[in-house]
Amino acid sequence: MNIKSIALVTMLATVIATVNAQELKGKKYVGGNFSLGVNSENEKDDKFSNDNFNFEMNVLGGNFFTNKMALGIFLKTAFSNYTNSSKTSFSDIDDKNISNQYAGGVELTKFITIKNKFSFAFKNQLGFSIMNGDYNYTSDNINGNFNSITKSTTTTFGYNFIPELHYFVSEKFSFSAQMGSAAIRYGNIKEEEVEKQTLFGVILDPQSVTTKSTEFSGDVRFSLRQFSLGLVYYF
């Protein structure tokens, strides 16, 4: 390593070491994160396949009304697509599950500085979400065909607690890392199911059922599987 390289590395190290967290009264911020998951399984004889696709994006913005305390809003959109098919000597089965989610709300965040460039952030979110689901199940066998289509809409009110770790790479930017959350939710669920069946060549009358229910739930998910990385800009 030549003298110029040593000088450059030394200068960068000095800048990073002297970066201060920017959670000061009057500061504003915008940021977000996204996650993408793709998984596919197929057997060599093509008798079984399983494909999963998941996408989630979160955006946020807010203002520090005191040092280390910020009030903001967040928006979220998510999409998932699950397909599964299997073939046996008796029947062929295909099922597909597609869901879309839109959510938003307000958040109160408390920052605690660990060192100059590291901070913990504890988010408290109150939000509302709508999730639309479309499930399609088909089974073909020697006796006939069975098809079930279920459309669902879930509206949810809830509270989320999300711990984050922020690393300030400069006075304007920080990386944020999440590894899960704790949540309490109350939701209303509406499902419409239509069943169509052919038995020994005879088309049976379709059956339609509509159900409504409410659900109160809580869950805690803290693990590396819930890890997501985001970027925040301060101004």
Protein backbone atom coordinates (compact mmCIF):
# COMPACT_ATOMS: atom_id res chain seq x y z
CA MET A 1 0.00 0.00 0.00
CA ASN A 2 1.50 3.36 -1.06
CA ILE A 3 1.52 6.58 0.94
CA LYS A 4 -1.52 8.01 -0.91
CA SER A 5 -3.59 4.92 -0.12
CA ILE A 6 -2.56 5.02 3.54
CA ALA A 7 -3.50 8.71 3.74
CA LEU A 8 -6.90 8.07 2.11
CA VAL A 9 -7.74 5.18 4.45
CA THR A 10 -6.66 7.24 7.45
CA MET A 11 -8.82 10.19 6.37
CA LEU A 12 -11.90 7.99 5.84
CA ALA A 13 -11.40 6.27 9.18
CA THR A 14 -11.12 9.65 10.91
CA VAL A 15 -14.31 10.94 9.27
CA ILE A 16 -16.29 7.82 10.20
CA ALA A 17 -14.98 7.82 13.75
CA THR A 18 -16.07 11.42 14.29
CA VAL A 19 -19.58 11.11 12.80
CA ASN A 20 -22.22 12.09 15.32
CA ALA A 21 -25.77 10.80 15.43
CA GLN A 22 -28.23 13.37 14.10
CA GLU A 23 -31.25 12.79 16.39
CA LEU A 24 -31.55 16.48 17.30
CA LYS A 25 -34.64 18.65 17.82
CA GLY A 26 -35.85 20.16 14.54
CA LYS A 27 -34.19 17.55 12.32
CA LYS A 28 -36.31 15.79 9.72
CA TYR A 29 -35.81 12.40 8.14
CA VAL A 30 -37.04 10.18 5.30
CA GLY A 31 -36.12 6.58 4.61
CA GLY A 32 -37.27 3.05 4.09
CA ASN A 33 -36.39 -0.56 3.42
CA PHE A 34 -37.48 -3.43 1.25
CA SER A 35 -37.16 -7.19 1.28
CA LEU A 36 -37.38 -9.74 -1.52
CA GLY A 37 -37.68 -13.50 -1.22
CA VAL A 38 -37.71 -16.11 -3.99
CA ASN A 39 -37.79 -19.85 -3.49
CA SER A 40 -38.37 -22.69 -5.94
CA GLU A 41 -38.39 -26.46 -5.44
CA ASN A 42 -38.82 -29.00 -8.21
CA GLU A 43 -38.32 -32.76 -8.22
CA LYS A 44 -36.52 -34.34 -11.16
CA ASP A 45 -39.55 -36.36 -12.23
CA ASP A 46 -41.71 -33.17 -12.19
CA LYS A 47 -44.24 -34.76 -9.85
CA PHE A 48 -43.84 -31.98 -7.31
CA SER A 49 -43.11 -28.25 -7.52
CA ASN A 50 -43.26 -25.43 -5.01
CA ASP A 51 -42.63 -21.77 -5.87
CA ASN A 52 -42.69 -18.78 -3.52
CA PHE A 53 -42.24 -15.08 -4.21
CA ASN A 54 -42.44 -12.39 -1.53
CA PHE A 55 -41.87 -8.64 -1.79
CA GLU A 56 -42.26 -5.96 0.88
CA MET A 57 -41.43 -2.23 0.85
CA ASN A 58 -41.67 0.28 3.70
CA VAL A 59 -41.24 4.08 3.50
CA LEU A 60 -41.22 6.54 6.40
CA GLY A 61 -40.70 10.16 7.30
CA GLY A 62 -40.83 12.32 10.38
CA ASN A 63 -39.50 15.08 12.57
CA PHE A 64 -37.58 15.23 15.86
CA PHE A 65 -39.71 17.24 18.29
CA THR A 66 -37.09 16.77 21.03
CA ASN A 67 -33.53 15.50 21.07
CA LYS A 68 -33.68 11.69 20.58
CA MET A 69 -37.48 11.59 20.13
CA ALA A 70 -39.21 11.65 16.73
CA LEU A 71 -42.78 11.53 15.47
CA GLY A 72 -43.46 10.29 11.96
CA ILE A 73 -45.60 8.33 9.53
CA PHE A 74 -45.01 5.06 7.69
CA LEU A 75 -46.45 3.36 4.60
CA LYS A 76 -46.11 -0.27 3.61
CA THR A 77 -46.94 -2.41 0.59
CA ALA A 78 -46.41 -6.16 0.30
CA PHE A 79 -47.08 -8.87 -2.26
CA SER A 80 -46.76 -12.65 -2.07
CA ASN A 81 -47.37 -15.44 -4.57
CA TYR A 82 -47.36 -19.11 -3.53
CA THR A 83 -47.93 -21.95 -5.99
CA ASN A 84 -47.79 -25.67 -5.37
CA SER A 85 -48.49 -28.63 -7.65
CA SER A 86 -48.19 -32.39 -7.21
CA LYS A 87 -48.97 -35.40 -9.37
CA THR A 88 -49.67 -38.94 -8.25
CA SER A 89 -51.14 -42.02 -9.90
CA PHE A 90 -54.52 -41.06 -8.36
CA SER A 91 -54.81 -37.29 -8.80
CA ASP A 92 -53.26 -34.00 -9.89
CA ILE A 93 -53.38 -31.16 -7.34
CA ASP A 94 -52.68 -27.49 -7.94
CA ASP A 95 -53.10 -24.65 -5.48
CA LYS A 96 -52.17 -21.01 -5.74
CA ASN A 97 -52.32 -18.29 -3.10
CA ILE A 98 -51.84 -14.60 -3.98
CA SER A 99 -52.03 -11.76 -1.45
CA ASN A 100 -51.61 -7.98 -1.55
CA GLN A 101 -51.24 -5.79 1.51
CA TYR A 102 -51.36 -2.01 1.99
CA ALA A 103 -50.72 -0.41 5.37
CA GLY A 104 -49.92 2.89 7.02
CA GLY A 105 -49.92 4.72 10.32
CA VAL A 106 -48.01 6.87 12.78
CA GLU A 107 -44.89 6.05 14.76
CA LEU A 108 -43.12 7.40 17.82
CA THR A 109 -39.40 6.59 17.93
CA LYS A 110 -37.00 6.89 20.84
CA PHE A 111 -33.26 6.95 20.06
CA ILE A 112 -30.53 5.94 22.51
CA THR A 113 -26.93 6.67 21.49
CA ILE A 114 -24.47 3.82 22.09
CA LYS A 115 -21.42 5.51 20.56
CA ASN A 116 -21.00 8.49 18.22
CA LYS A 117 -22.05 6.53 15.14
CA PHE A 118 -24.27 3.83 16.69
CA SER A 119 -27.76 4.27 18.11
CA PHE A 120 -30.62 2.06 19.20
CA ALA A 121 -34.09 3.10 18.02
CA PHE A 122 -37.30 1.81 19.59
CA LYS A 123 -40.32 2.27 17.32
CA ASN A 124 -43.90 2.32 18.58
CA GLN A 125 -46.33 2.12 15.68
CA LEU A 126 -50.11 2.43 15.47
CA GLY A 127 -51.40 1.41 12.09
CA PHE A 128 -54.12 0.18 9.78
CA SER A 129 -53.80 -2.39 6.99
CA ILE A 130 -55.88 -4.01 4.26
CA MET A 131 -54.94 -7.42 2.88
CA ASN A 132 -56.63 -9.00 -0.12
CA GLY A 133 -56.17 -12.72 -0.71
CA ASP A 134 -57.02 -14.99 -3.64
CA TYR A 135 -56.75 -18.75 -3.10
CA ASN A 136 -57.39 -21.24 -5.90
CA TYR A 137 -57.37 -25.03 -5.30
CA THR A 138 -57.91 -27.62 -8.05
CA SER A 139 -57.91 -31.41 -7.84
CA ASP A 140 -58.30 -33.75 -10.85
CA ASN A 141 -58.75 -37.50 -10.43
CA ILE A 142 -60.42 -40.44 -12.16
CA ASN A 143 -63.76 -39.55 -10.57
CA GLY A 144 -63.88 -35.95 -11.70
CA ASN A 145 -62.71 -32.43 -10.98
CA PHE A 146 -62.94 -30.25 -7.88
CA ASN A 147 -62.20 -26.53 -7.82
CA SER A 148 -62.40 -24.17 -4.85
CA ILE A 149 -61.86 -20.40 -5.14
CA THR A 150 -61.65 -18.28 -1.98
CA LYS A 151 -61.39 -14.49 -1.98
CA SER A 152 -60.70 -12.80 1.33
CA THR A 153 -60.35 -9.27 2.67
CA THR A 154 -58.76 -8.62 6.06
CA THR A 155 -58.78 -5.16 7.66
CA THR A 156 -56.54 -4.83 10.70
CA PHE A 157 -55.83 -2.25 13.39
CA GLY A 158 -52.71 -2.84 15.42
CA TYR A 159 -49.70 -1.82 17.48
CA ASN A 160 -46.12 -2.79 16.60
CA PHE A 161 -42.97 -2.52 18.70
CA ILE A 162 -39.83 -2.62 16.54
CA PRO A 163 -36.26 -2.31 17.84
CA GLU A 164 -33.64 -1.06 15.36
CA LEU A 165 -29.88 -0.53 15.25
CA HIS A 166 -28.70 2.58 13.36
CA TYR A 167 -25.17 3.05 12.02
CA PHE A 168 -24.36 6.61 10.89
CA VAL A 169 -22.07 6.51 7.86
CA SER A 170 -22.22 10.31 7.64
CA GLU A 171 -24.09 13.22 9.20
CA LYS A 172 -26.82 12.80 6.56
CA PHE A 173 -27.24 9.03 6.29
CA SER A 174 -27.65 6.05 8.56
CA PHE A 175 -28.23 2.37 7.89
CA SER A 176 -30.96 0.76 9.98
CA ALA A 177 -31.28 -2.93 10.81
CA GLN A 178 -34.36 -4.72 12.15
CA MET A 179 -34.58 -8.31 13.40
CA GLY A 180 -38.26 -8.74 14.14
CA SER A 181 -41.10 -7.12 16.06
CA ALA A 182 -43.79 -7.62 18.69
CA ALA A 183 -47.38 -6.89 17.71
CA ILE A 184 -50.99 -6.80 18.92
CA ARG A 185 -53.72 -6.81 16.24
CA TYR A 186 -57.48 -6.68 15.91
CA GLY A 187 -58.92 -7.62 12.54
CA ASN A 188 -62.12 -8.14 10.57
CA ILE A 189 -62.07 -10.96 8.01
CA LYS A 190 -64.48 -11.53 5.14
CA GLU A 191 -64.23 -14.67 2.97
CA GLU A 192 -66.20 -15.66 -0.11
CA GLU A 193 -65.74 -19.28 -1.22
CA VAL A 194 -67.12 -20.85 -4.40
CA GLU A 195 -66.84 -24.61 -4.99
CA LYS A 196 -67.32 -26.19 -8.43
CA GLN A 197 -67.32 -29.97 -8.86
CA THR A 198 -67.62 -32.51 -11.66
CA LEU A 199 -68.34 -36.07 -10.52
CA PHE A 200 -68.29 -38.97 -13.02
CA GLY A 201 -68.89 -36.51 -15.85
CA VAL A 202 -71.83 -34.79 -14.15
CA ILE A 203 -71.52 -31.04 -13.38
CA LEU A 204 -72.85 -30.40 -9.89
CA ASP A 205 -74.44 -27.14 -8.79
CA PRO A 206 -71.75 -24.70 -7.57
CA GLN A 207 -71.73 -24.02 -3.83
CA SER A 208 -71.11 -20.51 -2.52
CA VAL A 209 -70.41 -19.56 1.10
CA THR A 210 -69.66 -16.14 2.62
CA THR A 211 -68.29 -15.86 6.15
CA LYS A 212 -67.35 -12.94 8.38
CA SER A 213 -65.26 -13.09 11.53
CA THR A 214 -63.16 -11.00 13.89
CA GLU A 215 -59.75 -11.88 15.27
CA PHE A 216 -57.64 -10.57 18.13
CA SER A 217 -54.05 -11.77 18.07
CA GLY A 218 -50.56 -11.06 19.30
CA ASP A 219 -47.18 -12.36 18.21
CA VAL A 220 -43.50 -11.88 18.92
CA ARG A 221 -41.02 -12.49 16.13
CA PHE A 222 -37.36 -11.81 16.82
CA SER A 223 -34.93 -13.81 14.69
CA LEU A 224 -32.42 -13.49 11.86
CA ARG A 225 -35.16 -14.70 9.49
CA GLN A 226 -36.94 -11.39 10.13
CA PHE A 227 -33.83 -9.33 9.31
CA SER A 228 -34.23 -6.28 7.07
CA LEU A 229 -31.85 -3.46 6.20
CA GLY A 230 -32.91 0.15 5.53
CA LEU A 231 -31.50 3.57 4.78
CA VAL A 232 -32.47 6.89 6.46
CA TYR A 233 -31.65 10.41 5.27
CA TYR A 234 -31.55 13.37 7.74
CA PHE A 235 -31.94 17.03 6.82
